[in-house]
Amino acid sequence: MKNKLLIVDDALIMRMRIREIALQAGWEVVGEATNGAQAVELYRELRPDLVTLDIVMPQMDGVEALRKIREEEPQARVCMVSAVNQKEKLAECIKLGAIDFIVKPFEKAQLESLFTKQGRPR
């Protein structure tokens, strides 16, 4: 079976780009969300192997979504993907259990590396 990915970003173009790279890397995109509240609900429903999670979004930001996901599933693998490049946000996300942090605009190779590192045989 393929590794399952949940993409969370309020920008359609970013979701499309991450989806394209994930599919090329052999991942299955099982869901997409446009805000943190949707992300938490879809995580509960889909239990993906990895979540790419934007920080700045409407309704609930990525930091709060990360907190809620990790409270429910301490082993959840979440990579923050955001244009916010602030040390305090990065530190907070890592403290909450994010496995990685990719700054937008990102290079294709950065996501490919993430998918390679986080892929696991079934």
PDB file of N, CA and C in Angstrom:
ATOM      1  N   MET A   1       0.831  -1.190   0.000  1.00  0.00           N
ATOM      2  CA  MET A   1       0.000   0.000   0.000  1.00  0.00           C
ATOM      3  C   MET A   1       0.872   1.249   0.000  1.00  0.00           C
ATOM      4  N   LYS A   2       0.321   2.303  -0.573  1.00  0.00           N
ATOM      5  CA  LYS A   2       1.034   3.572  -0.610  1.00  0.00           C
ATOM      6  C   LYS A   2       0.907   4.285   0.729  1.00  0.00           C
ATOM      7  N   ASN A   3       1.880   5.143   1.001  1.00  0.00           N
ATOM      8  CA  ASN A   3       1.796   6.023   2.165  1.00  0.00           C
ATOM      9  C   ASN A   3       0.708   7.050   1.909  1.00  0.00           C
ATOM     10  N   LYS A   4      -0.010   7.411   2.971  1.00  0.00           N
ATOM     11  CA  LYS A   4      -1.147   8.324   2.844  1.00  0.00           C
ATOM     12  C   LYS A   4      -0.788   9.718   3.360  1.00  0.00           C
ATOM     13  N   LEU A   5      -1.176  10.727   2.584  1.00  0.00           N
ATOM     14  CA  LEU A   5      -0.859  12.114   2.898  1.00  0.00           C
ATOM     15  C   LEU A   5      -2.126  12.954   3.013  1.00  0.00           C
ATOM     16  N   LEU A   6      -2.159  13.824   4.021  1.00  0.00           N
ATOM     17  CA  LEU A   6      -3.193  14.848   4.165  1.00  0.00           C
ATOM     18  C   LEU A   6      -2.506  16.193   3.953  1.00  0.00           C
ATOM     19  N   ILE A   7      -3.012  16.975   2.998  1.00  0.00           N
ATOM     20  CA  ILE A   7      -2.448  18.286   2.682  1.00  0.00           C
ATOM     21  C   ILE A   7      -3.356  19.360   3.276  1.00  0.00           C
ATOM     22  N   VAL A   8      -2.757  20.286   4.039  1.00  0.00           N
ATOM     23  CA  VAL A   8      -3.539  21.352   4.665  1.00  0.00           C
ATOM     24  C   VAL A   8      -2.911  22.699   4.326  1.00  0.00           C
ATOM     25  N   ASP A   9      -3.638  23.487   3.534  1.00  0.00           N
ATOM     26  CA  ASP A   9      -3.181  24.822   3.154  1.00  0.00           C
ATOM     27  C   ASP A   9      -4.389  25.578   2.618  1.00  0.00           C
ATOM     28  N   ASP A  10      -4.509  26.854   2.971  1.00  0.00           N
ATOM     29  CA  ASP A  10      -5.648  27.622   2.474  1.00  0.00           C
ATOM     30  C   ASP A  10      -5.457  28.077   1.032  1.00  0.00           C
ATOM     31  N   ALA A  11      -4.260  27.952   0.479  1.00  0.00           N
ATOM     32  CA  ALA A  11      -3.987  28.354  -0.900  1.00  0.00           C
ATOM     33  C   ALA A  11      -4.079  27.148  -1.838  1.00  0.00           C
ATOM     34  N   LEU A  12      -5.009  27.208  -2.763  1.00  0.00           N
ATOM     35  CA  LEU A  12      -5.210  26.122  -3.717  1.00  0.00           C
ATOM     36  C   LEU A  12      -3.938  25.791  -4.481  1.00  0.00           C
ATOM     37  N   ILE A  13      -3.206  26.798  -4.921  1.00  0.00           N
ATOM     38  CA  ILE A  13      -1.991  26.566  -5.709  1.00  0.00           C
ATOM     39  C   ILE A  13      -0.959  25.771  -4.909  1.00  0.00           C
ATOM     40  N   MET A  14      -0.875  26.024  -3.601  1.00  0.00           N
ATOM     41  CA  MET A  14       0.073  25.279  -2.761  1.00  0.00           C
ATOM     42  C   MET A  14      -0.379  23.827  -2.604  1.00  0.00           C
ATOM     43  N   ARG A  15      -1.675  23.621  -2.400  1.00  0.00           N
ATOM     44  CA  ARG A  15      -2.177  22.249  -2.292  1.00  0.00           C
ATOM     45  C   ARG A  15      -1.909  21.482  -3.583  1.00  0.00           C
ATOM     46  N   MET A  16      -2.132  22.146  -4.719  1.00  0.00           N
ATOM     47  CA  MET A  16      -1.904  21.492  -6.009  1.00  0.00           C
ATOM     48  C   MET A  16      -0.427  21.121  -6.181  1.00  0.00           C
ATOM     49  N   ARG A  17       0.466  22.015  -5.794  1.00  0.00           N
ATOM     50  CA  ARG A  17       1.918  21.770  -5.937  1.00  0.00           C
ATOM     51  C   ARG A  17       2.362  20.616  -5.033  1.00  0.00           C
ATOM     52  N   ILE A  18       1.907  20.631  -3.789  1.00  0.00           N
ATOM     53  CA  ILE A  18       2.283  19.551  -2.864  1.00  0.00           C
ATOM     54  C   ILE A  18       1.714  18.224  -3.361  1.00  0.00           C
ATOM     55  N   ARG A  19       0.462  18.242  -3.836  1.00  0.00           N
ATOM     56  CA  ARG A  19      -0.170  17.031  -4.370  1.00  0.00           C
ATOM     57  C   ARG A  19       0.653  16.455  -5.529  1.00  0.00           C
ATOM     58  N   GLU A  20       1.027  17.315  -6.450  1.00  0.00           N
ATOM     59  CA  GLU A  20       1.797  16.888  -7.628  1.00  0.00           C
ATOM     60  C   GLU A  20       3.100  16.198  -7.217  1.00  0.00           C
ATOM     61  N   ILE A  21       3.824  16.809  -6.305  1.00  0.00           N
ATOM     62  CA  ILE A  21       5.106  16.256  -5.856  1.00  0.00           C
ATOM     63  C   ILE A  21       4.890  14.952  -5.091  1.00  0.00           C
ATOM     64  N   ALA A  22       3.861  14.914  -4.257  1.00  0.00           N
ATOM     65  CA  ALA A  22       3.562  13.699  -3.484  1.00  0.00           C
ATOM     66  C   ALA A  22       3.226  12.531  -4.412  1.00  0.00           C
ATOM     67  N   LEU A  23       2.387  12.787  -5.393  1.00  0.00           N
ATOM     68  CA  LEU A  23       2.000  11.722  -6.329  1.00  0.00           C
ATOM     69  C   LEU A  23       3.212  11.215  -7.089  1.00  0.00           C
ATOM     70  N   GLN A  24       4.083  12.115  -7.515  1.00  0.00           N
ATOM     71  CA  GLN A  24       5.299  11.714  -8.218  1.00  0.00           C
ATOM     72  C   GLN A  24       6.208  10.881  -7.315  1.00  0.00           C
ATOM     73  N   ALA A  25       6.144  11.130  -6.016  1.00  0.00           N
ATOM     74  CA  ALA A  25       6.970  10.395  -5.052  1.00  0.00           C
ATOM     75  C   ALA A  25       6.321   9.075  -4.633  1.00  0.00           C
ATOM     76  N   GLY A  26       5.144   8.764  -5.192  1.00  0.00           N
ATOM     77  CA  GLY A  26       4.499   7.490  -4.900  1.00  0.00           C
ATOM     78  C   GLY A  26       3.558   7.502  -3.713  1.00  0.00           C
ATOM     79  N   TRP A  27       3.181   8.667  -3.234  1.00  0.00           N
ATOM     80  CA  TRP A  27       2.259   8.788  -2.113  1.00  0.00           C
ATOM     81  C   TRP A  27       0.829   8.871  -2.616  1.00  0.00           C
ATOM     82  N   GLU A  28      -0.112   8.514  -1.763  1.00  0.00           N
ATOM     83  CA  GLU A  28      -1.532   8.677  -2.041  1.00  0.00           C
ATOM     84  C   GLU A  28      -2.039   9.870  -1.235  1.00  0.00           C
ATOM     85  N   VAL A  29      -2.623  10.856  -1.907  1.00  0.00           N
ATOM     86  CA  VAL A  29      -3.199  12.009  -1.224  1.00  0.00           C
ATOM     87  C   VAL A  29      -4.627  11.628  -0.850  1.00  0.00           C
ATOM     88  N   VAL A  30      -4.852  11.426   0.442  1.00  0.00           N
ATOM     89  CA  VAL A  30      -6.164  10.945   0.902  1.00  0.00           C
ATOM     90  C   VAL A  30      -7.112  12.070   1.273  1.00  0.00           C
ATOM     91  N   GLY A  31      -6.587  13.295   1.412  1.00  0.00           N
ATOM     92  CA  GLY A  31      -7.454  14.404   1.751  1.00  0.00           C
ATOM     93  C   GLY A  31      -6.744  15.731   1.657  1.00  0.00           C
ATOM     94  N   GLU A  32      -7.564  16.785   1.554  1.00  0.00           N
ATOM     95  CA  GLU A  32      -7.059  18.151   1.542  1.00  0.00           C
ATOM     96  C   GLU A  32      -7.977  19.001   2.411  1.00  0.00           C
ATOM     97  N   ALA A  33      -7.375  19.924   3.163  1.00  0.00           N
ATOM     98  CA  ALA A  33      -8.136  20.827   4.019  1.00  0.00           C
ATOM     99  C   ALA A  33      -7.649  22.249   3.791  1.00  0.00           C
ATOM    100  N   THR A  34      -8.544  23.215   4.026  1.00  0.00           N
ATOM    101  CA  THR A  34      -8.198  24.619   3.809  1.00  0.00           C
ATOM    102  C   THR A  34      -8.059  25.412   5.104  1.00  0.00           C
ATOM    103  N   ASN A  35      -8.269  24.749   6.243  1.00  0.00           N
ATOM    104  CA  ASN A  35      -8.069  25.417   7.531  1.00  0.00           C
ATOM    105  C   ASN A  35      -7.776  24.362   8.599  1.00  0.00           C
ATOM    106  N   GLY A  36      -7.359  24.840   9.753  1.00  0.00           N
ATOM    107  CA  GLY A  36      -6.967  23.934  10.819  1.00  0.00           C
ATOM    108  C   GLY A  36      -8.087  23.075  11.364  1.00  0.00           C
ATOM    109  N   ALA A  37      -9.300  23.631  11.428  1.00  0.00           N
ATOM    110  CA  ALA A  37     -10.437  22.856  11.942  1.00  0.00           C
ATOM    111  C   ALA A  37     -10.725  21.668  11.026  1.00  0.00           C
ATOM    112  N   GLN A  38     -10.710  21.904   9.720  1.00  0.00           N
ATOM    113  CA  GLN A  38     -10.895  20.797   8.766  1.00  0.00           C
ATOM    114  C   GLN A  38      -9.767  19.783   8.904  1.00  0.00           C
ATOM    115  N   ALA A  39      -8.559  20.270   9.112  1.00  0.00           N
ATOM    116  CA  ALA A  39      -7.393  19.387   9.241  1.00  0.00           C
ATOM    117  C   ALA A  39      -7.580  18.399  10.391  1.00  0.00           C
ATOM    118  N   VAL A  40      -8.027  18.903  11.529  1.00  0.00           N
ATOM    119  CA  VAL A  40      -8.221  18.042  12.694  1.00  0.00           C
ATOM    120  C   VAL A  40      -9.294  16.990  12.401  1.00  0.00           C
ATOM    121  N   GLU A  41     -10.402  17.419  11.806  1.00  0.00           N
ATOM    122  CA  GLU A  41     -11.484  16.477  11.470  1.00  0.00           C
ATOM    123  C   GLU A  41     -11.022  15.428  10.463  1.00  0.00           C
ATOM    124  N   LEU A  42     -10.330  15.865   9.417  1.00  0.00           N
ATOM    125  CA  LEU A  42      -9.874  14.908   8.409  1.00  0.00           C
ATOM    126  C   LEU A  42      -8.813  13.972   8.979  1.00  0.00           C
ATOM    127  N   TYR A  43      -7.965  14.479   9.879  1.00  0.00           N
ATOM    128  CA  TYR A  43      -6.977  13.600  10.500  1.00  0.00           C
ATOM    129  C   TYR A  43      -7.683  12.472  11.256  1.00  0.00           C
ATOM    130  N   ARG A  44      -8.699  12.838  12.030  1.00  0.00           N
ATOM    131  CA  ARG A  44      -9.459  11.834  12.793  1.00  0.00           C
ATOM    132  C   ARG A  44     -10.052  10.773  11.864  1.00  0.00           C
ATOM    133  N   GLU A  45     -10.597  11.224  10.759  1.00  0.00           N
ATOM    134  CA  GLU A  45     -11.284  10.336   9.828  1.00  0.00           C
ATOM    135  C   GLU A  45     -10.318   9.481   9.008  1.00  0.00           C
ATOM    136  N   LEU A  46      -9.238  10.076   8.531  1.00  0.00           N
ATOM    137  CA  LEU A  46      -8.370   9.416   7.545  1.00  0.00           C
ATOM    138  C   LEU A  46      -7.130   8.746   8.126  1.00  0.00           C
ATOM    139  N   ARG A  47      -6.658   9.213   9.265  1.00  0.00           N
ATOM    140  CA  ARG A  47      -5.433   8.695   9.891  1.00  0.00           C
ATOM    141  C   ARG A  47      -4.288   8.547   8.875  1.00  0.00           C
ATOM    142  N   PRO A  48      -3.887   9.667   8.256  1.00  0.00           N
ATOM    143  CA  PRO A  48      -2.818   9.604   7.260  1.00  0.00           C
ATOM    144  C   PRO A  48      -1.465   9.301   7.900  1.00  0.00           C
ATOM    145  N   ASP A  49      -0.519   8.889   7.070  1.00  0.00           N
ATOM    146  CA  ASP A  49       0.842   8.630   7.533  1.00  0.00           C
ATOM    147  C   ASP A  49       1.619   9.925   7.759  1.00  0.00           C
ATOM    148  N   LEU A  50       1.206  10.980   7.042  1.00  0.00           N
ATOM    149  CA  LEU A  50       1.901  12.259   7.126  1.00  0.00           C
ATOM    150  C   LEU A  50       0.914  13.379   6.819  1.00  0.00           C
ATOM    151  N   VAL A  51       1.120  14.522   7.484  1.00  0.00           N
ATOM    152  CA  VAL A  51       0.326  15.730   7.222  1.00  0.00           C
ATOM    153  C   VAL A  51       1.293  16.851   6.872  1.00  0.00           C
ATOM    154  N   THR A  52       1.017  17.558   5.766  1.00  0.00           N
ATOM    155  CA  THR A  52       1.720  18.813   5.510  1.00  0.00           C
ATOM    156  C   THR A  52       0.764  19.909   5.952  1.00  0.00           C
ATOM    157  N   LEU A  53       1.234  20.792   6.826  1.00  0.00           N
ATOM    158  CA  LEU A  53       0.344  21.718   7.527  1.00  0.00           C
ATOM    159  C   LEU A  53       0.858  23.146   7.465  1.00  0.00           C
ATOM    160  N   ASP A  54       0.085  24.019   6.816  1.00  0.00           N
ATOM    161  CA  ASP A  54       0.396  25.445   6.763  1.00  0.00           C
ATOM    162  C   ASP A  54       0.153  26.043   8.156  1.00  0.00           C
ATOM    163  N   ILE A  55       0.792  27.168   8.446  1.00  0.00           N
ATOM    164  CA  ILE A  55       0.592  27.806   9.747  1.00  0.00           C
ATOM    165  C   ILE A  55      -0.505  28.864   9.691  1.00  0.00           C
ATOM    166  N   VAL A  56      -0.424  29.779   8.726  1.00  0.00           N
ATOM    167  CA  VAL A  56      -1.354  30.899   8.663  1.00  0.00           C
ATOM    168  C   VAL A  56      -2.562  30.515   7.813  1.00  0.00           C
ATOM    169  N   MET A  57      -3.696  30.265   8.498  1.00  0.00           N
ATOM    170  CA  MET A  57      -4.937  29.862   7.839  1.00  0.00           C
ATOM    171  C   MET A  57      -6.117  30.429   8.615  1.00  0.00           C
ATOM    172  N   PRO A  58      -7.283  30.527   7.955  1.00  0.00           N
ATOM    173  CA  PRO A  58      -8.475  31.007   8.658  1.00  0.00           C
ATOM    174  C   PRO A  58      -9.039  29.956   9.621  1.00  0.00           C
ATOM    175  N   GLN A  59      -9.919  30.382  10.480  1.00  0.00           N
ATOM    176  CA  GLN A  59     -10.637  29.559  11.471  1.00  0.00           C
ATOM    177  C   GLN A  59      -9.739  29.032  12.572  1.00  0.00           C
ATOM    178  N   MET A  60      -8.756  28.231  12.228  1.00  0.00           N
ATOM    179  CA  MET A  60      -7.806  27.699  13.205  1.00  0.00           C
ATOM    180  C   MET A  60      -6.448  27.639  12.519  1.00  0.00           C
ATOM    181  N   ASP A  61      -5.423  28.234  13.130  1.00  0.00           N
ATOM    182  CA  ASP A  61      -4.119  28.222  12.478  1.00  0.00           C
ATOM    183  C   ASP A  61      -3.445  26.849  12.617  1.00  0.00           C
ATOM    184  N   GLY A  62      -2.356  26.694  11.905  1.00  0.00           N
ATOM    185  CA  GLY A  62      -1.658  25.410  11.882  1.00  0.00           C
ATOM    186  C   GLY A  62      -1.052  25.015  13.214  1.00  0.00           C
ATOM    187  N   VAL A  63      -0.634  25.992  13.996  1.00  0.00           N
ATOM    188  CA  VAL A  63      -0.061  25.682  15.314  1.00  0.00           C
ATOM    189  C   VAL A  63      -1.113  25.026  16.202  1.00  0.00           C
ATOM    190  N   GLU A  64      -2.312  25.605  16.223  1.00  0.00           N
ATOM    191  CA  GLU A  64      -3.391  25.041  17.040  1.00  0.00           C
ATOM    192  C   GLU A  64      -3.829  23.680  16.492  1.00  0.00           C
ATOM    193  N   ALA A  65      -3.883  23.552  15.170  1.00  0.00           N
ATOM    194  CA  ALA A  65      -4.248  22.260  14.566  1.00  0.00           C
ATOM    195  C   ALA A  65      -3.211  21.204  14.930  1.00  0.00           C
ATOM    196  N   LEU A  66      -1.936  21.562  14.877  1.00  0.00           N
ATOM    197  CA  LEU A  66      -0.866  20.633  15.261  1.00  0.00           C
ATOM    198  C   LEU A  66      -1.060  20.202  16.710  1.00  0.00           C
ATOM    199  N   ARG A  67      -1.339  21.155  17.576  1.00  0.00           N
ATOM    200  CA  ARG A  67      -1.542  20.855  19.003  1.00  0.00           C
ATOM    201  C   ARG A  67      -2.677  19.844  19.180  1.00  0.00           C
ATOM    202  N   LYS A  68      -3.799  20.077  18.513  1.00  0.00           N
ATOM    203  CA  LYS A  68      -4.963  19.199  18.654  1.00  0.00           C
ATOM    204  C   LYS A  68      -4.704  17.805  18.065  1.00  0.00           C
ATOM    205  N   ILE A  69      -4.060  17.763  16.909  1.00  0.00           N
ATOM    206  CA  ILE A  69      -3.757  16.467  16.284  1.00  0.00           C
ATOM    207  C   ILE A  69      -2.832  15.655  17.177  1.00  0.00           C
ATOM    208  N   ARG A  70      -1.783  16.284  17.696  1.00  0.00           N
ATOM    209  CA  ARG A  70      -0.810  15.563  18.529  1.00  0.00           C
ATOM    210  C   ARG A  70      -1.403  15.177  19.890  1.00  0.00           C
ATOM    211  N   GLU A  71      -2.371  15.945  20.395  1.00  0.00           N
ATOM    212  CA  GLU A  71      -3.046  15.557  21.642  1.00  0.00           C
ATOM    213  C   GLU A  71      -3.814  14.260  21.438  1.00  0.00           C
ATOM    214  N   GLU A  72      -4.470  14.143  20.289  1.00  0.00           N
ATOM    215  CA  GLU A  72      -5.257  12.946  19.997  1.00  0.00           C
ATOM    216  C   GLU A  72      -4.392  11.770  19.553  1.00  0.00           C
ATOM    217  N   GLU A  73      -3.315  12.081  18.829  1.00  0.00           N
ATOM    218  CA  GLU A  73      -2.444  11.032  18.303  1.00  0.00           C
ATOM    219  C   GLU A  73      -0.987  11.470  18.471  1.00  0.00           C
ATOM    220  N   PRO A  74      -0.376  11.130  19.598  1.00  0.00           N
ATOM    221  CA  PRO A  74       0.992  11.565  19.878  1.00  0.00           C
ATOM    222  C   PRO A  74       2.020  11.117  18.843  1.00  0.00           C
ATOM    223  N   GLN A  75       1.712  10.075  18.093  1.00  0.00           N
ATOM    224  CA  GLN A  75       2.651   9.581  17.077  1.00  0.00           C
ATOM    225  C   GLN A  75       2.425  10.202  15.699  1.00  0.00           C
ATOM    226  N   ALA A  76       1.463  11.116  15.583  1.00  0.00           N
ATOM    227  CA  ALA A  76       1.161  11.748  14.292  1.00  0.00           C
ATOM    228  C   ALA A  76       2.407  12.427  13.737  1.00  0.00           C
ATOM    229  N   ARG A  77       2.619  12.213  12.447  1.00  0.00           N
ATOM    230  CA  ARG A  77       3.762  12.837  11.770  1.00  0.00           C
ATOM    231  C   ARG A  77       3.239  14.039  10.981  1.00  0.00           C
ATOM    232  N   VAL A  78       3.692  15.223  11.405  1.00  0.00           N
ATOM    233  CA  VAL A  78       3.228  16.472  10.810  1.00  0.00           C
ATOM    234  C   VAL A  78       4.436  17.316  10.432  1.00  0.00           C
ATOM    235  N   CYS A  79       4.444  17.779   9.178  1.00  0.00           N
ATOM    236  CA  CYS A  79       5.482  18.678   8.700  1.00  0.00           C
ATOM    237  C   CYS A  79       4.839  20.033   8.447  1.00  0.00           C
ATOM    238  N   MET A  80       5.361  21.062   9.065  1.00  0.00           N
ATOM    239  CA  MET A  80       4.858  22.411   8.855  1.00  0.00           C
ATOM    240  C   MET A  80       5.415  22.933   7.527  1.00  0.00           C
ATOM    241  N   VAL A  81       4.538  23.500   6.704  1.00  0.00           N
ATOM    242  CA  VAL A  81       4.937  24.072   5.417  1.00  0.00           C
ATOM    243  C   VAL A  81       4.350  25.473   5.394  1.00  0.00           C
ATOM    244  N   SER A  82       5.197  26.490   5.585  1.00  0.00           N
ATOM    245  CA  SER A  82       4.647  27.833   5.739  1.00  0.00           C
ATOM    246  C   SER A  82       5.606  28.915   5.279  1.00  0.00           C
ATOM    247  N   ALA A  83       5.045  30.029   4.860  1.00  0.00           N
ATOM    248  CA  ALA A  83       5.847  31.193   4.501  1.00  0.00           C
ATOM    249  C   ALA A  83       6.331  31.919   5.755  1.00  0.00           C
ATOM    250  N   VAL A  84       5.773  31.569   6.879  1.00  0.00           N
ATOM    251  CA  VAL A  84       6.187  32.187   8.137  1.00  0.00           C
ATOM    252  C   VAL A  84       7.532  31.596   8.536  1.00  0.00           C
ATOM    253  N   ASN A  85       8.559  32.413   8.504  1.00  0.00           N
ATOM    254  CA  ASN A  85       9.904  31.945   8.843  1.00  0.00           C
ATOM    255  C   ASN A  85      10.364  32.675  10.103  1.00  0.00           C
ATOM    256  N   GLN A  86       9.702  32.373  11.192  1.00  0.00           N
ATOM    257  CA  GLN A  86      10.031  33.004  12.454  1.00  0.00           C
ATOM    258  C   GLN A  86      10.525  31.942  13.426  1.00  0.00           C
ATOM    259  N   LYS A  87      11.623  32.239  14.069  1.00  0.00           N
ATOM    260  CA  LYS A  87      12.230  31.267  14.974  1.00  0.00           C
ATOM    261  C   LYS A  87      11.279  30.819  16.082  1.00  0.00           C
ATOM    262  N   GLU A  88      10.476  31.765  16.615  1.00  0.00           N
ATOM    263  CA  GLU A  88       9.582  31.393  17.715  1.00  0.00           C
ATOM    264  C   GLU A  88       8.482  30.437  17.239  1.00  0.00           C
ATOM    265  N   LYS A  89       7.962  30.649  16.027  1.00  0.00           N
ATOM    266  CA  LYS A  89       6.934  29.734  15.486  1.00  0.00           C
ATOM    267  C   LYS A  89       7.540  28.362  15.245  1.00  0.00           C
ATOM    268  N   LEU A  90       8.725  28.329  14.666  1.00  0.00           N
ATOM    269  CA  LEU A  90       9.404  27.058  14.408  1.00  0.00           C
ATOM    270  C   LEU A  90       9.651  26.330  15.720  1.00  0.00           C
ATOM    271  N   ALA A  91      10.165  27.029  16.698  1.00  0.00           N
ATOM    272  CA  ALA A  91      10.444  26.414  18.000  1.00  0.00           C
ATOM    273  C   ALA A  91       9.171  25.867  18.631  1.00  0.00           C
ATOM    274  N   GLU A  92       8.085  26.633  18.535  1.00  0.00           N
ATOM    275  CA  GLU A  92       6.808  26.188  19.108  1.00  0.00           C
ATOM    276  C   GLU A  92       6.318  24.913  18.409  1.00  0.00           C
ATOM    277  N   CYS A  93       6.412  24.890  17.079  1.00  0.00           N
ATOM    278  CA  CYS A  93       5.945  23.721  16.324  1.00  0.00           C
ATOM    279  C   CYS A  93       6.789  22.478  16.630  1.00  0.00           C
ATOM    280  N   ILE A  94       8.084  22.654  16.726  1.00  0.00           N
ATOM    281  CA  ILE A  94       8.963  21.522  17.052  1.00  0.00           C
ATOM    282  C   ILE A  94       8.656  21.026  18.461  1.00  0.00           C
ATOM    283  N   LYS A  95       8.448  21.952  19.390  1.00  0.00           N
ATOM    284  CA  LYS A  95       8.104  21.591  20.769  1.00  0.00           C
ATOM    285  C   LYS A  95       6.793  20.809  20.817  1.00  0.00           C
ATOM    286  N   LEU A  96       5.854  21.162  19.928  1.00  0.00           N
ATOM    287  CA  LEU A  96       4.563  20.472  19.872  1.00  0.00           C
ATOM    288  C   LEU A  96       4.641  19.138  19.134  1.00  0.00           C
ATOM    289  N   GLY A  97       5.790  18.847  18.531  1.00  0.00           N
ATOM    290  CA  GLY A  97       5.964  17.547  17.912  1.00  0.00           C
ATOM    291  C   GLY A  97       6.041  17.514  16.398  1.00  0.00           C
ATOM    292  N   ALA A  98       6.125  18.671  15.742  1.00  0.00           N
ATOM    293  CA  ALA A  98       6.291  18.664  14.288  1.00  0.00           C
ATOM    294  C   ALA A  98       7.610  17.970  13.950  1.00  0.00           C
ATOM    295  N   ILE A  99       7.592  17.154  12.905  1.00  0.00           N
ATOM    296  CA  ILE A  99       8.790  16.403  12.543  1.00  0.00           C
ATOM    297  C   ILE A  99       9.730  17.191  11.650  1.00  0.00           C
ATOM    298  N   ASP A 100       9.209  18.249  11.001  1.00  0.00           N
ATOM    299  CA  ASP A 100      10.026  19.029  10.077  1.00  0.00           C
ATOM    300  C   ASP A 100       9.321  20.352   9.808  1.00  0.00           C
ATOM    301  N   PHE A 101      10.029  21.276   9.152  1.00  0.00           N
ATOM    302  CA  PHE A 101       9.499  22.597   8.845  1.00  0.00           C
ATOM    303  C   PHE A 101      10.071  23.020   7.511  1.00  0.00           C
ATOM    304  N   ILE A 102       9.215  23.232   6.523  1.00  0.00           N
ATOM    305  CA  ILE A 102       9.651  23.656   5.195  1.00  0.00           C
ATOM    306  C   ILE A 102       9.084  25.050   4.931  1.00  0.00           C
ATOM    307  N   VAL A 103       9.972  25.965   4.539  1.00  0.00           N
ATOM    308  CA  VAL A 103       9.572  27.352   4.309  1.00  0.00           C
ATOM    309  C   VAL A 103       9.195  27.553   2.840  1.00  0.00           C
ATOM    310  N   LYS A 104       8.020  28.181   2.618  1.00  0.00           N
ATOM    311  CA  LYS A 104       7.589  28.543   1.270  1.00  0.00           C
ATOM    312  C   LYS A 104       8.268  29.850   0.873  1.00  0.00           C
ATOM    313  N   PRO A 105       8.577  30.036  -0.385  1.00  0.00           N
ATOM    314  CA  PRO A 105       8.420  29.061  -1.463  1.00  0.00           C
ATOM    315  C   PRO A 105       9.499  27.986  -1.340  1.00  0.00           C
ATOM    316  N   PHE A 106       9.097  26.749  -1.508  1.00  0.00           N
ATOM    317  CA  PHE A 106      10.026  25.641  -1.349  1.00  0.00           C
ATOM    318  C   PHE A 106      10.454  25.121  -2.721  1.00  0.00           C
ATOM    319  N   GLU A 107      11.561  24.419  -2.711  1.00  0.00           N
ATOM    320  CA  GLU A 107      12.038  23.738  -3.913  1.00  0.00           C
ATOM    321  C   GLU A 107      11.420  22.343  -3.934  1.00  0.00           C
ATOM    322  N   LYS A 108      11.176  21.839  -5.113  1.00  0.00           N
ATOM    323  CA  LYS A 108      10.606  20.499  -5.274  1.00  0.00           C
ATOM    324  C   LYS A 108      11.430  19.466  -4.500  1.00  0.00           C
ATOM    325  N   ALA A 109      12.741  19.606  -4.550  1.00  0.00           N
ATOM    326  CA  ALA A 109      13.640  18.644  -3.893  1.00  0.00           C
ATOM    327  C   ALA A 109      13.419  18.580  -2.381  1.00  0.00           C
ATOM    328  N   GLN A 110      13.003  19.691  -1.770  1.00  0.00           N
ATOM    329  CA  GLN A 110      12.759  19.686  -0.328  1.00  0.00           C
ATOM    330  C   GLN A 110      11.595  18.757   0.013  1.00  0.00           C
ATOM    331  N   LEU A 111      10.519  18.845  -0.746  1.00  0.00           N
ATOM    332  CA  LEU A 111       9.374  17.964  -0.483  1.00  0.00           C
ATOM    333  C   LEU A 111       9.697  16.528  -0.864  1.00  0.00           C
ATOM    334  N   GLU A 112      10.418  16.341  -1.952  1.00  0.00           N
ATOM    335  CA  GLU A 112      10.807  14.980  -2.340  1.00  0.00           C
ATOM    336  C   GLU A 112      11.607  14.321  -1.225  1.00  0.00           C
ATOM    337  N   SER A 113      12.508  15.083  -0.629  1.00  0.00           N
ATOM    338  CA  SER A 113      13.311  14.569   0.483  1.00  0.00           C
ATOM    339  C   SER A 113      12.433  14.207   1.678  1.00  0.00           C
ATOM    340  N   LEU A 114      11.470  15.071   1.985  1.00  0.00           N
ATOM    341  CA  LEU A 114      10.533  14.793   3.078  1.00  0.00           C
ATOM    342  C   LEU A 114       9.784  13.490   2.819  1.00  0.00           C
ATOM    343  N   PHE A 115       9.243  13.346   1.619  1.00  0.00           N
ATOM    344  CA  PHE A 115       8.458  12.135   1.300  1.00  0.00           C
ATOM    345  C   PHE A 115       9.332  10.884   1.328  1.00  0.00           C
ATOM    346  N   THR A 116      10.567  11.004   0.898  1.00  0.00           N
ATOM    347  CA  THR A 116      11.492   9.860   0.935  1.00  0.00           C
ATOM    348  C   THR A 116      11.798   9.474   2.369  1.00  0.00           C
ATOM    349  N   LYS A 117      12.097  10.471   3.208  1.00  0.00           N
ATOM    350  CA  LYS A 117      12.421  10.202   4.620  1.00  0.00           C
ATOM    351  C   LYS A 117      11.239   9.639   5.385  1.00  0.00           C
ATOM    352  N   GLN A 118      10.035  10.128   5.086  1.00  0.00           N
ATOM    353  CA  GLN A 118       8.862   9.754   5.871  1.00  0.00           C
ATOM    354  C   GLN A 118       8.109   8.552   5.301  1.00  0.00           C
ATOM    355  N   GLY A 119       8.475   8.156   4.094  1.00  0.00           N
ATOM    356  CA  GLY A 119       7.827   6.969   3.523  1.00  0.00           C
ATOM    357  C   GLY A 119       8.221   5.739   4.318  1.00  0.00           C
ATOM    358  N   ARG A 120       7.303   4.832   4.441  1.00  0.00           N
ATOM    359  CA  ARG A 120       7.618   3.601   5.160  1.00  0.00           C
ATOM    360  C   ARG A 120       6.919   2.434   4.487  1.00  0.00           C
ATOM    361  N   PRO A 121       7.574   1.313   4.461  1.00  0.00           N
ATOM    362  CA  PRO A 121       6.942   0.146   3.838  1.00  0.00           C
ATOM    363  C   PRO A 121       5.728  -0.305   4.637  1.00  0.00           C
ATOM    364  N   ARG A 122       4.778  -0.841   3.939  1.00  0.00           N
ATOM    365  CA  ARG A 122       3.558  -1.352   4.570  1.00  0.00           C
ATOM    366  C   ARG A 122       3.625  -2.850   4.682  1.00  0.00           C
TER     367      ARG A 122
END
